Amino acid sequence: MMIRINPARLENFKRRLKEALVEVKHTHRLEAMARGFGYRTYAALLADIGDSYEIDVEIDELSFADFLVAHGYGDLAAVNLVEALQIKEAA
C-alpha cells in the first residue's frame, strides 16, 4: 500500500502509534515506523519530508515487525502498521 506523508500526517501517525504500542519505547516506535515506511532510520524519513514536504511511501509491514522483534518486542510483532496508524486510503 502506498501512502502520502507530510509533517502534519507524520505527527498524527506518531500519536496513533503511541496509543497502539504503549509498552514500546518512544524511539523504538519511531524507528519501527520508519522501517515500515521503507527507511533505514527515522532521521532519514524526516530528512526526506523536510526536503520535499510531502512524500509517498510504500508500507512494509515485515520491516516494521522485524524491527520490533529485534528490539525485544516479539509479542507485538503481529501488530499491523496500517491498522495501528488507522490508514484508510492510499495516496
PDB file of N, CA and C in Angstrom:
ATOM      1  N   MET A   1       0.851  -1.172   0.000  1.00  0.00           N
ATOM      2  CA  MET A   1       0.000   0.000   0.000  1.00  0.00           C
ATOM      3  C   MET A   1       0.898   1.236   0.000  1.00  0.00           C
ATOM      4  N   MET A   2       0.617   2.146  -0.890  1.00  0.00           N
ATOM      5  CA  MET A   2       1.342   3.406  -0.981  1.00  0.00           C
ATOM      6  C   MET A   2       0.525   4.487  -0.261  1.00  0.00           C
ATOM      7  N   ILE A   3       1.211   5.283   0.566  1.00  0.00           N
ATOM      8  CA  ILE A   3       0.545   6.396   1.247  1.00  0.00           C
ATOM      9  C   ILE A   3       1.380   7.659   1.093  1.00  0.00           C
ATOM     10  N   ARG A   4       0.744   8.791   1.259  1.00  0.00           N
ATOM     11  CA  ARG A   4       1.410  10.090   1.203  1.00  0.00           C
ATOM     12  C   ARG A   4       1.576  10.616   2.630  1.00  0.00           C
ATOM     13  N   ILE A   5       2.771  11.099   2.919  1.00  0.00           N
ATOM     14  CA  ILE A   5       3.088  11.618   4.254  1.00  0.00           C
ATOM     15  C   ILE A   5       3.580  13.051   4.143  1.00  0.00           C
ATOM     16  N   ASN A   6       3.103  13.887   5.046  1.00  0.00           N
ATOM     17  CA  ASN A   6       3.614  15.252   5.218  1.00  0.00           C
ATOM     18  C   ASN A   6       3.848  15.441   6.720  1.00  0.00           C
ATOM     19  N   PRO A   7       4.432  16.555   7.138  1.00  0.00           N
ATOM     20  CA  PRO A   7       4.731  16.725   8.573  1.00  0.00           C
ATOM     21  C   PRO A   7       3.512  16.573   9.491  1.00  0.00           C
ATOM     22  N   ALA A   8       2.374  17.129   9.097  1.00  0.00           N
ATOM     23  CA  ALA A   8       1.175  17.033   9.948  1.00  0.00           C
ATOM     24  C   ALA A   8       0.692  15.590  10.053  1.00  0.00           C
ATOM     25  N   ARG A   9       0.708  14.889   8.950  1.00  0.00           N
ATOM     26  CA  ARG A   9       0.259  13.499   8.967  1.00  0.00           C
ATOM     27  C   ARG A   9       1.230  12.633   9.770  1.00  0.00           C
ATOM     28  N   LEU A  10       2.518  12.926   9.669  1.00  0.00           N
ATOM     29  CA  LEU A  10       3.510  12.180  10.443  1.00  0.00           C
ATOM     30  C   LEU A  10       3.263  12.358  11.945  1.00  0.00           C
ATOM     31  N   GLU A  11       2.966  13.565  12.376  1.00  0.00           N
ATOM     32  CA  GLU A  11       2.658  13.807  13.797  1.00  0.00           C
ATOM     33  C   GLU A  11       1.431  13.015  14.224  1.00  0.00           C
ATOM     34  N   ASN A  12       0.442  12.966  13.371  1.00  0.00           N
ATOM     35  CA  ASN A  12      -0.766  12.196  13.658  1.00  0.00           C
ATOM     36  C   ASN A  12      -0.439  10.709  13.773  1.00  0.00           C
ATOM     37  N   PHE A  13       0.396  10.207  12.875  1.00  0.00           N
ATOM     38  CA  PHE A  13       0.810   8.802  12.925  1.00  0.00           C
ATOM     39  C   PHE A  13       1.577   8.508  14.212  1.00  0.00           C
ATOM     40  N   LYS A  14       2.438   9.420  14.628  1.00  0.00           N
ATOM     41  CA  LYS A  14       3.205   9.217  15.867  1.00  0.00           C
ATOM     42  C   LYS A  14       2.260   9.078  17.062  1.00  0.00           C
ATOM     43  N   ARG A  15       1.245   9.913  17.116  1.00  0.00           N
ATOM     44  CA  ARG A  15       0.269   9.854  18.214  1.00  0.00           C
ATOM     45  C   ARG A  15      -0.486   8.528  18.201  1.00  0.00           C
ATOM     46  N   ARG A  16      -0.924   8.113  17.030  1.00  0.00           N
ATOM     47  CA  ARG A  16      -1.671   6.860  16.917  1.00  0.00           C
ATOM     48  C   ARG A  16      -0.810   5.653  17.275  1.00  0.00           C
ATOM     49  N   LEU A  17       0.448   5.674  16.856  1.00  0.00           N
ATOM     50  CA  LEU A  17       1.330   4.558  17.167  1.00  0.00           C
ATOM     51  C   LEU A  17       1.613   4.491  18.666  1.00  0.00           C
ATOM     52  N   LYS A  18       1.698   5.644  19.308  1.00  0.00           N
ATOM     53  CA  LYS A  18       1.885   5.673  20.764  1.00  0.00           C
ATOM     54  C   LYS A  18       0.700   5.004  21.461  1.00  0.00           C
ATOM     55  N   GLU A  19      -0.498   5.252  20.957  1.00  0.00           N
ATOM     56  CA  GLU A  19      -1.694   4.639  21.535  1.00  0.00           C
ATOM     57  C   GLU A  19      -1.722   3.129  21.300  1.00  0.00           C
ATOM     58  N   ALA A  20      -1.233   2.700  20.143  1.00  0.00           N
ATOM     59  CA  ALA A  20      -1.269   1.276  19.792  1.00  0.00           C
ATOM     60  C   ALA A  20      -0.139   0.475  20.428  1.00  0.00           C
ATOM     61  N   LEU A  21       0.997   1.126  20.684  1.00  0.00           N
ATOM     62  CA  LEU A  21       2.179   0.435  21.205  1.00  0.00           C
ATOM     63  C   LEU A  21       2.676   1.114  22.482  1.00  0.00           C
ATOM     64  N   VAL A  22       1.838   1.178  23.466  1.00  0.00           N
ATOM     65  CA  VAL A  22       2.133   1.875  24.720  1.00  0.00           C
ATOM     66  C   VAL A  22       3.407   1.353  25.380  1.00  0.00           C
ATOM     67  N   GLU A  23       3.626   0.053  25.327  1.00  0.00           N
ATOM     68  CA  GLU A  23       4.757  -0.547  26.033  1.00  0.00           C
ATOM     69  C   GLU A  23       6.092  -0.441  25.290  1.00  0.00           C
ATOM     70  N   VAL A  24       6.062   0.112  24.085  1.00  0.00           N
ATOM     71  CA  VAL A  24       7.283   0.256  23.291  1.00  0.00           C
ATOM     72  C   VAL A  24       7.889   1.635  23.543  1.00  0.00           C
ATOM     73  N   LYS A  25       9.215   1.664  23.729  1.00  0.00           N
ATOM     74  CA  LYS A  25       9.909   2.941  23.938  1.00  0.00           C
ATOM     75  C   LYS A  25       9.641   3.888  22.779  1.00  0.00           C
ATOM     76  N   HIS A  26       9.598   5.172  23.102  1.00  0.00           N
ATOM     77  CA  HIS A  26       9.323   6.209  22.103  1.00  0.00           C
ATOM     78  C   HIS A  26      10.238   6.089  20.886  1.00  0.00           C
ATOM     79  N   THR A  27      11.539   6.002  21.112  1.00  0.00           N
ATOM     80  CA  THR A  27      12.479   5.936  19.985  1.00  0.00           C
ATOM     81  C   THR A  27      12.297   4.654  19.178  1.00  0.00           C
ATOM     82  N   HIS A  28      11.961   3.572  19.837  1.00  0.00           N
ATOM     83  CA  HIS A  28      11.732   2.328  19.107  1.00  0.00           C
ATOM     84  C   HIS A  28      10.470   2.414  18.255  1.00  0.00           C
ATOM     85  N   ARG A  29       9.440   3.084  18.755  1.00  0.00           N
ATOM     86  CA  ARG A  29       8.226   3.282  17.940  1.00  0.00           C
ATOM     87  C   ARG A  29       8.547   4.066  16.675  1.00  0.00           C
ATOM     88  N   LEU A  30       9.318   5.149  16.831  1.00  0.00           N
ATOM     89  CA  LEU A  30       9.648   5.988  15.674  1.00  0.00           C
ATOM     90  C   LEU A  30      10.498   5.237  14.663  1.00  0.00           C
ATOM     91  N   GLU A  31      11.483   4.502  15.154  1.00  0.00           N
ATOM     92  CA  GLU A  31      12.353   3.753  14.245  1.00  0.00           C
ATOM     93  C   GLU A  31      11.589   2.615  13.562  1.00  0.00           C
ATOM     94  N   ALA A  32      10.698   1.937  14.293  1.00  0.00           N
ATOM     95  CA  ALA A  32       9.886   0.872  13.691  1.00  0.00           C
ATOM     96  C   ALA A  32       8.976   1.453  12.606  1.00  0.00           C
ATOM     97  N   MET A  33       8.387   2.607  12.872  1.00  0.00           N
ATOM     98  CA  MET A  33       7.535   3.257  11.879  1.00  0.00           C
ATOM     99  C   MET A  33       8.350   3.606  10.635  1.00  0.00           C
ATOM    100  N   ALA A  34       9.541   4.149  10.839  1.00  0.00           N
ATOM    101  CA  ALA A  34      10.398   4.489   9.697  1.00  0.00           C
ATOM    102  C   ALA A  34      10.692   3.243   8.870  1.00  0.00           C
ATOM    103  N   ARG A  35      11.006   2.124   9.530  1.00  0.00           N
ATOM    104  CA  ARG A  35      11.255   0.870   8.800  1.00  0.00           C
ATOM    105  C   ARG A  35      10.005   0.465   8.021  1.00  0.00           C
ATOM    106  N   GLY A  36       8.855   0.644   8.649  1.00  0.00           N
ATOM    107  CA  GLY A  36       7.590   0.315   8.000  1.00  0.00           C
ATOM    108  C   GLY A  36       7.263   1.205   6.817  1.00  0.00           C
ATOM    109  N   PHE A  37       7.935   2.351   6.741  1.00  0.00           N
ATOM    110  CA  PHE A  37       7.761   3.259   5.599  1.00  0.00           C
ATOM    111  C   PHE A  37       8.904   3.126   4.594  1.00  0.00           C
ATOM    112  N   GLY A  38       9.774   2.126   4.808  1.00  0.00           N
ATOM    113  CA  GLY A  38      10.835   1.871   3.852  1.00  0.00           C
ATOM    114  C   GLY A  38      12.128   2.624   4.085  1.00  0.00           C
ATOM    115  N   TYR A  39      12.300   3.193   5.275  1.00  0.00           N
ATOM    116  CA  TYR A  39      13.512   3.945   5.596  1.00  0.00           C
ATOM    117  C   TYR A  39      14.363   3.169   6.589  1.00  0.00           C
ATOM    118  N   ARG A  40      15.644   3.385   6.527  1.00  0.00           N
ATOM    119  CA  ARG A  40      16.576   2.719   7.447  1.00  0.00           C
ATOM    120  C   ARG A  40      16.536   3.374   8.822  1.00  0.00           C
ATOM    121  N   THR A  41      16.265   4.684   8.870  1.00  0.00           N
ATOM    122  CA  THR A  41      16.186   5.404  10.150  1.00  0.00           C
ATOM    123  C   THR A  41      15.067   6.440  10.111  1.00  0.00           C
ATOM    124  N   TYR A  42      14.619   6.835  11.294  1.00  0.00           N
ATOM    125  CA  TYR A  42      13.626   7.899  11.405  1.00  0.00           C
ATOM    126  C   TYR A  42      14.218   9.218  10.921  1.00  0.00           C
ATOM    127  N   ALA A  43      15.506   9.434  11.180  1.00  0.00           N
ATOM    128  CA  ALA A  43      16.178  10.662  10.719  1.00  0.00           C
ATOM    129  C   ALA A  43      16.133  10.765   9.195  1.00  0.00           C
ATOM    130  N   ALA A  44      16.328   9.659   8.512  1.00  0.00           N
ATOM    131  CA  ALA A  44      16.271   9.672   7.047  1.00  0.00           C
ATOM    132  C   ALA A  44      14.865  10.006   6.552  1.00  0.00           C
ATOM    133  N   LEU A  45      13.859   9.476   7.231  1.00  0.00           N
ATOM    134  CA  LEU A  45      12.467   9.805   6.893  1.00  0.00           C
ATOM    135  C   LEU A  45      12.225  11.296   7.056  1.00  0.00           C
ATOM    136  N   LEU A  46      12.667  11.848   8.188  1.00  0.00           N
ATOM    137  CA  LEU A  46      12.493  13.286   8.428  1.00  0.00           C
ATOM    138  C   LEU A  46      13.218  14.130   7.391  1.00  0.00           C
ATOM    139  N   ALA A  47      14.407  13.702   7.007  1.00  0.00           N
ATOM    140  CA  ALA A  47      15.170  14.448   6.002  1.00  0.00           C
ATOM    141  C   ALA A  47      14.430  14.494   4.674  1.00  0.00           C
ATOM    142  N   ASP A  48      13.848  13.378   4.266  1.00  0.00           N
ATOM    143  CA  ASP A  48      13.092  13.358   3.012  1.00  0.00           C
ATOM    144  C   ASP A  48      11.856  14.237   3.080  1.00  0.00           C
ATOM    145  N   ILE A  49      11.161  14.201   4.191  1.00  0.00           N
ATOM    146  CA  ILE A  49       9.978  15.058   4.327  1.00  0.00           C
ATOM    147  C   ILE A  49      10.398  16.521   4.334  1.00  0.00           C
ATOM    148  N   GLY A  50      11.504  16.819   5.008  1.00  0.00           N
ATOM    149  CA  GLY A  50      11.994  18.195   5.048  1.00  0.00           C
ATOM    150  C   GLY A  50      12.399  18.712   3.692  1.00  0.00           C
ATOM    151  N   ASP A  51      12.958  17.842   2.867  1.00  0.00           N
ATOM    152  CA  ASP A  51      13.386  18.244   1.531  1.00  0.00           C
ATOM    153  C   ASP A  51      12.207  18.420   0.578  1.00  0.00           C
ATOM    154  N   SER A  52      11.174  17.610   0.750  1.00  0.00           N
ATOM    155  CA  SER A  52      10.067  17.588  -0.210  1.00  0.00           C
ATOM    156  C   SER A  52       8.745  18.077   0.359  1.00  0.00           C
ATOM    157  N   TYR A  53       8.621  18.178   1.643  1.00  0.00           N
ATOM    158  CA  TYR A  53       7.418  18.497   2.403  1.00  0.00           C
ATOM    159  C   TYR A  53       6.405  17.360   2.371  1.00  0.00           C
ATOM    160  N   GLU A  54       6.259  16.699   1.241  1.00  0.00           N
ATOM    161  CA  GLU A  54       5.302  15.610   1.132  1.00  0.00           C
ATOM    162  C   GLU A  54       5.946  14.494   0.325  1.00  0.00           C
ATOM    163  N   ILE A  55       5.843  13.276   0.828  1.00  0.00           N
ATOM    164  CA  ILE A  55       6.450  12.135   0.141  1.00  0.00           C
ATOM    165  C   ILE A  55       5.463  10.981   0.079  1.00  0.00           C
ATOM    166  N   ASP A  56       5.674  10.110  -0.888  1.00  0.00           N
ATOM    167  CA  ASP A  56       4.913   8.874  -0.996  1.00  0.00           C
ATOM    168  C   ASP A  56       5.798   7.741  -0.506  1.00  0.00           C
ATOM    169  N   VAL A  57       5.241   6.885   0.335  1.00  0.00           N
ATOM    170  CA  VAL A  57       5.986   5.740   0.849  1.00  0.00           C
ATOM    171  C   VAL A  57       5.156   4.478   0.682  1.00  0.00           C
ATOM    172  N   GLU A  58       5.859   3.381   0.529  1.00  0.00           N
ATOM    173  CA  GLU A  58       5.230   2.063   0.442  1.00  0.00           C
ATOM    174  C   GLU A  58       5.285   1.430   1.835  1.00  0.00           C
ATOM    175  N   ILE A  59       4.155   0.980   2.344  1.00  0.00           N
ATOM    176  CA  ILE A  59       4.107   0.334   3.656  1.00  0.00           C
ATOM    177  C   ILE A  59       4.804  -1.023   3.576  1.00  0.00           C
ATOM    178  N   ASP A  60       5.697  -1.262   4.524  1.00  0.00           N
ATOM    179  CA  ASP A  60       6.442  -2.522   4.617  1.00  0.00           C
ATOM    180  C   ASP A  60       6.200  -3.118   6.000  1.00  0.00           C
ATOM    181  N   GLU A  61       5.135  -3.908   6.102  1.00  0.00           N
ATOM    182  CA  GLU A  61       4.742  -4.495   7.385  1.00  0.00           C
ATOM    183  C   GLU A  61       5.838  -5.397   7.959  1.00  0.00           C
ATOM    184  N   LEU A  62       6.519  -6.138   7.102  1.00  0.00           N
ATOM    185  CA  LEU A  62       7.541  -7.074   7.567  1.00  0.00           C
ATOM    186  C   LEU A  62       8.714  -6.340   8.219  1.00  0.00           C
ATOM    187  N   SER A  63       9.172  -5.261   7.621  1.00  0.00           N
ATOM    188  CA  SER A  63      10.280  -4.495   8.212  1.00  0.00           C
ATOM    189  C   SER A  63       9.869  -3.871   9.544  1.00  0.00           C
ATOM    190  N   PHE A  64       8.627  -3.419   9.634  1.00  0.00           N
ATOM    191  CA  PHE A  64       8.089  -2.879  10.881  1.00  0.00           C
ATOM    192  C   PHE A  64       8.125  -3.957  11.971  1.00  0.00           C
ATOM    193  N   ALA A  65       7.597  -5.131  11.655  1.00  0.00           N
ATOM    194  CA  ALA A  65       7.556  -6.234  12.620  1.00  0.00           C
ATOM    195  C   ALA A  65       8.959  -6.725  12.968  1.00  0.00           C
ATOM    196  N   ASP A  66       9.825  -6.828  11.968  1.00  0.00           N
ATOM    197  CA  ASP A  66      11.196  -7.287  12.215  1.00  0.00           C
ATOM    198  C   ASP A  66      11.926  -6.374  13.192  1.00  0.00           C
ATOM    199  N   PHE A  67      11.718  -5.064  13.069  1.00  0.00           N
ATOM    200  CA  PHE A  67      12.366  -4.127  13.980  1.00  0.00           C
ATOM    201  C   PHE A  67      11.877  -4.359  15.408  1.00  0.00           C
ATOM    202  N   LEU A  68      10.571  -4.533  15.573  1.00  0.00           N
ATOM    203  CA  LEU A  68      10.021  -4.772  16.909  1.00  0.00           C
ATOM    204  C   LEU A  68      10.600  -6.048  17.523  1.00  0.00           C
ATOM    205  N   VAL A  69      10.669  -7.102  16.743  1.00  0.00           N
ATOM    206  CA  VAL A  69      11.221  -8.371  17.228  1.00  0.00           C
ATOM    207  C   VAL A  69      12.683  -8.192  17.614  1.00  0.00           C
ATOM    208  N   ALA A  70      13.452  -7.527  16.770  1.00  0.00           N
ATOM    209  CA  ALA A  70      14.891  -7.351  17.014  1.00  0.00           C
ATOM    210  C   ALA A  70      15.174  -6.530  18.266  1.00  0.00           C
ATOM    211  N   HIS A  71      14.183  -5.746  18.700  1.00  0.00           N
ATOM    212  CA  HIS A  71      14.381  -4.894  19.872  1.00  0.00           C
ATOM    213  C   HIS A  71      13.596  -5.365  21.093  1.00  0.00           C
ATOM    214  N   GLY A  72      13.247  -6.668  21.078  1.00  0.00           N
ATOM    215  CA  GLY A  72      12.664  -7.260  22.272  1.00  0.00           C
ATOM    216  C   GLY A  72      11.161  -7.163  22.405  1.00  0.00           C
ATOM    217  N   TYR A  73      10.479  -6.816  21.322  1.00  0.00           N
ATOM    218  CA  TYR A  73       9.024  -6.699  21.376  1.00  0.00           C
ATOM    219  C   TYR A  73       8.362  -7.762  20.504  1.00  0.00           C
ATOM    220  N   GLY A  74       8.877  -8.985  20.583  1.00  0.00           N
ATOM    221  CA  GLY A  74       8.363 -10.070  19.761  1.00  0.00           C
ATOM    222  C   GLY A  74       6.884 -10.328  19.935  1.00  0.00           C
ATOM    223  N   ASP A  75       6.375 -10.085  21.134  1.00  0.00           N
ATOM    224  CA  ASP A  75       4.952 -10.296  21.387  1.00  0.00           C
ATOM    225  C   ASP A  75       4.084  -9.292  20.650  1.00  0.00           C
ATOM    226  N   LEU A  76       4.695  -8.213  20.115  1.00  0.00           N
ATOM    227  CA  LEU A  76       3.938  -7.197  19.384  1.00  0.00           C
ATOM    228  C   LEU A  76       4.154  -7.287  17.876  1.00  0.00           C
ATOM    229  N   ALA A  77       4.890  -8.289  17.435  1.00  0.00           N
ATOM    230  CA  ALA A  77       5.220  -8.412  16.015  1.00  0.00           C
ATOM    231  C   ALA A  77       3.988  -8.586  15.140  1.00  0.00           C
ATOM    232  N   ALA A  78       2.888  -9.033  15.726  1.00  0.00           N
ATOM    233  CA  ALA A  78       1.662  -9.227  14.949  1.00  0.00           C
ATOM    234  C   ALA A  78       0.871  -7.924  14.773  1.00  0.00           C
ATOM    235  N   VAL A  79       1.321  -6.845  15.393  1.00  0.00           N
ATOM    236  CA  VAL A  79       0.625  -5.562  15.237  1.00  0.00           C
ATOM    237  C   VAL A  79       0.732  -5.134  13.778  1.00  0.00           C
ATOM    238  N   ASN A  80      -0.395  -4.783  13.194  1.00  0.00           N
ATOM    239  CA  ASN A  80      -0.451  -4.339  11.808  1.00  0.00           C
ATOM    240  C   ASN A  80      -0.252  -2.826  11.766  1.00  0.00           C
ATOM    241  N   LEU A  81       0.772  -2.375  11.049  1.00  0.00           N
ATOM    242  CA  LEU A  81       1.093  -0.945  10.992  1.00  0.00           C
ATOM    243  C   LEU A  81      -0.050  -0.134  10.396  1.00  0.00           C
ATOM    244  N   VAL A  82      -0.646  -0.612   9.333  1.00  0.00           N
ATOM    245  CA  VAL A  82      -1.751   0.109   8.691  1.00  0.00           C
ATOM    246  C   VAL A  82      -2.909   0.283   9.661  1.00  0.00           C
ATOM    247  N   GLU A  83      -3.236  -0.774  10.394  1.00  0.00           N
ATOM    248  CA  GLU A  83      -4.331  -0.685  11.363  1.00  0.00           C
ATOM    249  C   GLU A  83      -3.958   0.214  12.535  1.00  0.00           C
ATOM    250  N   ALA A  84      -2.737   0.092  13.036  1.00  0.00           N
ATOM    251  CA  ALA A  84      -2.303   0.912  14.171  1.00  0.00           C
ATOM    252  C   ALA A  84      -2.341   2.399  13.824  1.00  0.00           C
ATOM    253  N   LEU A  85      -1.979   2.729  12.585  1.00  0.00           N
ATOM    254  CA  LEU A  85      -1.965   4.130  12.163  1.00  0.00           C
ATOM    255  C   LEU A  85      -3.324   4.585  11.655  1.00  0.00           C
ATOM    256  N   GLN A  86      -4.276   3.664  11.574  1.00  0.00           N
ATOM    257  CA  GLN A  86      -5.636   3.934  11.113  1.00  0.00           C
ATOM    258  C   GLN A  86      -5.640   4.540   9.709  1.00  0.00           C
ATOM    259  N   ILE A  87      -4.835   3.947   8.831  1.00  0.00           N
ATOM    260  CA  ILE A  87      -4.756   4.412   7.448  1.00  0.00           C
ATOM    261  C   ILE A  87      -5.918   3.811   6.688  1.00  0.00           C
ATOM    262  N   LYS A  88      -6.687   4.673   6.048  1.00  0.00           N
ATOM    263  CA  LYS A  88      -7.871   4.212   5.349  1.00  0.00           C
ATOM    264  C   LYS A  88      -7.758   4.319   3.832  1.00  0.00           C
ATOM    265  N   GLU A  89      -6.956   5.245   3.345  1.00  0.00           N
ATOM    266  CA  GLU A  89      -6.885   5.432   1.909  1.00  0.00           C
ATOM    267  C   GLU A  89      -5.446   5.451   1.428  1.00  0.00           C
ATOM    268  N   ALA A  90      -5.268   5.074   0.206  1.00  0.00           N
ATOM    269  CA  ALA A  90      -3.937   5.123  -0.417  1.00  0.00           C
ATOM    270  C   ALA A  90      -3.714   6.508  -0.997  1.00  0.00           C
ATOM    271  N   ALA A  91      -2.443   6.844  -1.235  1.00  0.00           N
ATOM    272  CA  ALA A  91      -2.099   8.149  -1.816  1.00  0.00           C
ATOM    273  C   ALA A  91      -2.552   8.186  -3.256  1.00  0.00           C
TER     274      ALA A  91
END
